[in-house]
Amino acid sequence: KFFGNPGSVHEEGRRARECLEEARGGVAEVLSVKKDEGIFTSGGTESNNLAILGFARYLKRERGSLTDVHFITSAIEHPSVLECFKEIEIEGGNVTYLVPDSEGYIHESAIADAVTDKTVFISLGYVHGEIGVVLPIRALALAAREKKASLSEVPLVIHTDASQAPLYFDVTPHTLSVDLLTLDALKAGGPKGAGVLFKKHAVRLRPIM
């Protein structure tokens, strides 16, 4: 209904801005986070790319390279996740692809074994879009954080693609113990071409566009 540019000062823009801020507040309420911790995107793919590549490129800018850092994901993530990690490998990063068991699960022991003192980022999908496996993201995150804390003081950033989860499961980031969380509106009855990336204040990202 309100098609104006929300960044403009004319009436149509102001009305669009009000709608945008109302939506931002609604998302924040559902996720139990602050309004400025939600970034609107074009969908799950962009949210995943911003989370993973945005973090990697921030690190690369700060450190000069990615050769001394380690990333973890699983071998059965959505292509919008896996392609990001392939790009990180091209840019010199080290990536571990966890192989799930015969039922598609990643276990706490597997992720704890994979974490090293160089591990800085983990991305695991909450609910798998093809086989429906639901990972215990909170338990996995806590196991990874405990292992990392025993090895290094460098913080561990954890991302989950929760696009398939919000109609059925708790997706509040603090409950899941994640720093970045992807949502896709079309998976929850919302408009196509819209998504959200929750980003904890302390996490730094570089723009990817």
Protein backbone atom coordinates (compact mmCIF):
# COMPACT_ATOMS: atom_id res chain seq x y z
CA LYS A 1 0.00 0.00 0.00
CA PHE A 2 2.78 2.43 0.89
CA PHE A 3 5.22 2.29 -1.97
CA GLY A 4 7.38 5.30 -1.12
CA ASN A 5 11.07 5.16 -0.37
CA PRO A 6 11.32 4.81 3.44
CA GLY A 7 14.52 6.84 3.35
CA SER A 8 12.74 9.88 1.89
CA VAL A 9 11.12 12.76 3.77
CA HIS A 10 7.98 13.10 1.63
CA GLU A 11 4.66 11.78 2.92
CA GLU A 12 4.75 8.47 1.00
CA GLY A 13 8.28 7.86 2.31
CA ARG A 14 7.34 8.64 5.90
CA ARG A 15 4.38 6.27 5.76
CA ALA A 16 6.56 3.52 4.31
CA ARG A 17 9.10 4.17 7.06
CA GLU A 18 6.40 3.78 9.71
CA CYS A 19 5.40 0.42 8.22
CA LEU A 20 9.03 -0.68 8.09
CA GLU A 21 9.65 0.26 11.72
CA GLU A 22 6.45 -1.44 12.80
CA ALA A 23 7.64 -4.62 11.08
CA ARG A 24 11.07 -4.25 12.67
CA GLY A 25 9.48 -3.97 16.09
CA GLY A 26 7.32 -7.03 15.44
CA VAL A 27 10.33 -9.12 14.44
CA ALA A 28 12.27 -7.95 17.48
CA GLU A 29 9.36 -8.87 19.76
CA VAL A 30 9.05 -12.37 18.28
CA LEU A 31 12.80 -12.96 18.63
CA SER A 32 13.05 -11.25 22.05
CA VAL A 33 15.87 -9.01 20.79
CA LYS A 34 16.47 -5.28 20.35
CA LYS A 35 15.02 -3.57 17.29
CA ASP A 36 18.41 -2.66 15.88
CA GLU A 37 19.62 -6.28 16.02
CA GLY A 38 17.48 -7.26 13.03
CA ILE A 39 18.69 -6.61 9.47
CA PHE A 40 16.08 -6.88 6.72
CA THR A 41 17.26 -8.73 3.62
CA SER A 42 15.81 -10.16 0.41
CA GLY A 43 15.46 -13.62 1.96
CA GLY A 44 17.29 -16.56 3.52
CA THR A 45 20.00 -16.69 0.88
CA GLU A 46 21.06 -13.09 1.41
CA SER A 47 20.88 -13.45 5.19
CA ASN A 48 23.15 -16.51 5.07
CA ASN A 49 25.59 -14.77 2.73
CA LEU A 50 25.68 -11.64 4.89
CA ALA A 51 26.25 -13.67 8.05
CA ILE A 52 29.00 -15.94 6.70
CA LEU A 53 30.80 -13.87 4.09
CA GLY A 54 30.21 -10.65 6.00
CA PHE A 55 31.98 -12.11 9.03
CA ALA A 56 34.78 -13.67 6.98
CA ARG A 57 35.47 -10.44 5.14
CA TYR A 58 35.51 -8.47 8.38
CA LEU A 59 38.10 -10.90 9.72
CA LYS A 60 40.14 -10.71 6.54
CA ARG A 61 40.16 -6.93 6.69
CA GLU A 62 41.25 -6.97 10.33
CA ARG A 63 43.86 -9.75 10.07
CA GLY A 64 45.03 -9.36 6.49
CA SER A 65 44.20 -12.98 5.62
CA LEU A 66 42.07 -15.96 6.62
CA THR A 67 44.87 -18.52 6.68
CA ASP A 68 45.13 -18.65 10.48
CA VAL A 69 41.43 -19.06 11.24
CA HIS A 70 39.10 -22.06 11.16
CA PHE A 71 35.42 -22.38 10.25
CA ILE A 72 32.99 -25.25 10.86
CA THR A 73 29.79 -26.21 9.05
CA SER A 74 28.12 -29.47 8.02
CA ALA A 75 28.33 -31.28 4.70
CA ILE A 76 24.54 -31.14 4.19
CA GLU A 77 23.82 -27.44 4.61
CA HIS A 78 21.70 -25.43 2.17
CA PRO A 79 23.64 -24.37 -0.96
CA SER A 80 23.45 -20.72 0.15
CA VAL A 81 25.59 -21.77 3.13
CA LEU A 82 27.93 -24.26 1.45
CA GLU A 83 28.78 -21.92 -1.43
CA CYS A 84 29.86 -19.27 1.07
CA PHE A 85 32.30 -21.66 2.70
CA LYS A 86 33.68 -22.67 -0.68
CA GLU A 87 34.36 -18.98 -1.27
CA ILE A 88 36.07 -18.74 2.12
CA GLU A 89 38.32 -21.64 1.16
CA ILE A 90 39.22 -19.87 -2.08
CA GLU A 91 40.16 -16.83 0.00
CA GLY A 92 42.49 -18.95 2.16
CA GLY A 93 40.28 -19.96 5.06
CA ASN A 94 40.25 -23.41 6.64
CA VAL A 95 36.84 -25.09 6.73
CA THR A 96 35.75 -28.34 8.39
CA TYR A 97 32.62 -29.96 6.92
CA LEU A 98 31.09 -32.20 9.58
CA VAL A 99 29.57 -35.39 8.18
CA PRO A 100 26.28 -36.29 9.89
CA ASP A 101 25.40 -39.79 11.05
CA SER A 102 23.10 -42.08 9.07
CA GLU A 103 20.01 -40.20 10.32
CA GLY A 104 21.38 -36.77 9.49
CA TYR A 105 22.38 -35.69 13.00
CA ILE A 106 25.44 -33.80 14.16
CA HIS A 107 26.30 -34.79 17.72
CA GLU A 108 27.83 -32.68 20.48
CA SER A 109 30.93 -34.87 20.60
CA ALA A 110 31.53 -34.35 16.87
CA ILE A 111 31.41 -30.59 17.08
CA ALA A 112 33.53 -30.51 20.24
CA ASP A 113 36.15 -32.67 18.52
CA ALA A 114 36.17 -30.33 15.51
CA VAL A 115 36.72 -27.11 17.49
CA THR A 116 40.34 -25.97 17.73
CA ASP A 117 42.03 -22.91 19.17
CA LYS A 118 41.78 -21.39 15.67
CA THR A 119 38.01 -21.90 15.31
CA VAL A 120 36.20 -18.58 15.02
CA PHE A 121 32.88 -19.35 13.31
CA ILE A 122 30.34 -22.17 13.15
CA SER A 123 27.25 -22.38 10.94
CA LEU A 124 24.71 -25.19 11.32
CA GLY A 125 21.13 -25.32 10.05
CA TYR A 126 18.40 -25.68 12.65
CA VAL A 127 15.89 -27.69 10.57
CA HIS A 128 16.99 -29.38 7.36
CA GLY A 129 14.77 -28.41 4.43
CA GLU A 130 15.00 -31.78 2.63
CA ILE A 131 15.09 -34.48 5.30
CA GLY A 132 13.51 -32.61 8.21
CA VAL A 133 16.20 -33.33 10.77
CA VAL A 134 16.09 -30.93 13.73
CA LEU A 135 19.49 -30.27 15.25
CA PRO A 136 19.84 -29.46 18.97
CA ILE A 137 21.38 -26.09 18.18
CA ARG A 138 21.61 -24.90 21.78
CA ALA A 139 23.36 -28.07 22.96
CA LEU A 140 25.74 -27.97 19.99
CA ALA A 141 26.49 -24.29 20.56
CA LEU A 142 27.19 -24.78 24.27
CA ALA A 143 29.45 -27.78 23.57
CA ALA A 144 31.39 -25.77 21.01
CA ARG A 145 31.70 -22.73 23.28
CA GLU A 146 32.89 -24.85 26.21
CA LYS A 147 35.59 -26.49 24.09
CA LYS A 148 36.72 -23.18 22.59
CA ALA A 149 36.89 -21.49 26.00
CA SER A 150 39.27 -24.20 27.17
CA LEU A 151 41.61 -23.50 24.26
CA SER A 152 41.51 -19.78 23.53
CA GLU A 153 40.08 -16.47 24.68
CA VAL A 154 39.17 -15.51 21.11
CA PRO A 155 35.35 -15.46 20.95
CA LEU A 156 33.44 -18.03 18.92
CA VAL A 157 30.65 -16.74 16.65
CA ILE A 158 27.78 -19.16 15.94
CA HIS A 159 25.24 -18.83 13.14
CA THR A 160 22.16 -20.91 12.41
CA ASP A 161 19.92 -20.91 9.38
CA ALA A 162 16.53 -21.19 11.08
CA SER A 163 14.49 -20.53 7.93
CA GLN A 164 12.51 -23.77 8.21
CA ALA A 165 11.92 -23.53 11.96
CA PRO A 166 9.77 -20.56 13.08
CA LEU A 167 6.31 -22.10 12.64
CA TYR A 168 7.25 -25.08 14.78
CA PHE A 169 10.17 -24.30 17.10
CA ASP A 170 11.57 -21.62 19.36
CA VAL A 171 13.84 -19.40 17.24
CA THR A 172 14.85 -16.86 19.87
CA PRO A 173 18.62 -16.40 19.47
CA HIS A 174 19.35 -16.21 23.19
CA THR A 175 17.57 -19.52 23.80
CA LEU A 176 19.54 -21.14 20.99
CA SER A 177 22.80 -19.51 22.17
CA VAL A 178 23.60 -18.14 18.70
CA ASP A 179 25.06 -14.82 17.59
CA LEU A 180 23.59 -14.76 14.07
CA LEU A 181 20.25 -16.22 12.96
CA THR A 182 18.69 -16.40 9.50
CA LEU A 183 14.95 -16.24 8.84
CA ASP A 184 13.07 -16.25 5.52
CA ALA A 185 9.61 -14.66 5.44
CA LEU A 186 8.13 -16.96 2.80
CA LYS A 187 8.73 -19.97 5.07
CA ALA A 188 6.51 -18.41 7.74
CA GLY A 189 3.59 -17.06 5.74
CA GLY A 190 5.25 -13.73 5.04
CA PRO A 191 6.00 -11.98 1.74
CA LYS A 192 8.33 -13.57 -0.79
CA GLY A 193 11.56 -11.67 -1.24
CA ALA A 194 11.96 -10.71 2.41
CA GLY A 195 14.17 -12.07 5.15
CA VAL A 196 15.87 -11.17 8.38
CA LEU A 197 19.33 -11.64 9.79
CA PHE A 198 19.55 -11.33 13.56
CA LYS A 199 22.98 -9.99 14.47
CA LYS A 200 24.12 -9.65 18.05
CA HIS A 201 25.58 -6.20 18.69
CA ALA A 202 29.07 -7.50 19.42
CA VAL A 203 29.38 -9.31 16.06
CA ARG A 204 31.10 -7.34 13.32
CA LEU A 205 30.25 -7.83 9.63
CA ARG A 206 31.52 -6.27 6.42
CA PRO A 207 28.99 -5.38 3.71
CA ILE A 208 28.78 -7.95 0.92
CA MET A 209 27.15 -5.60 -1.61
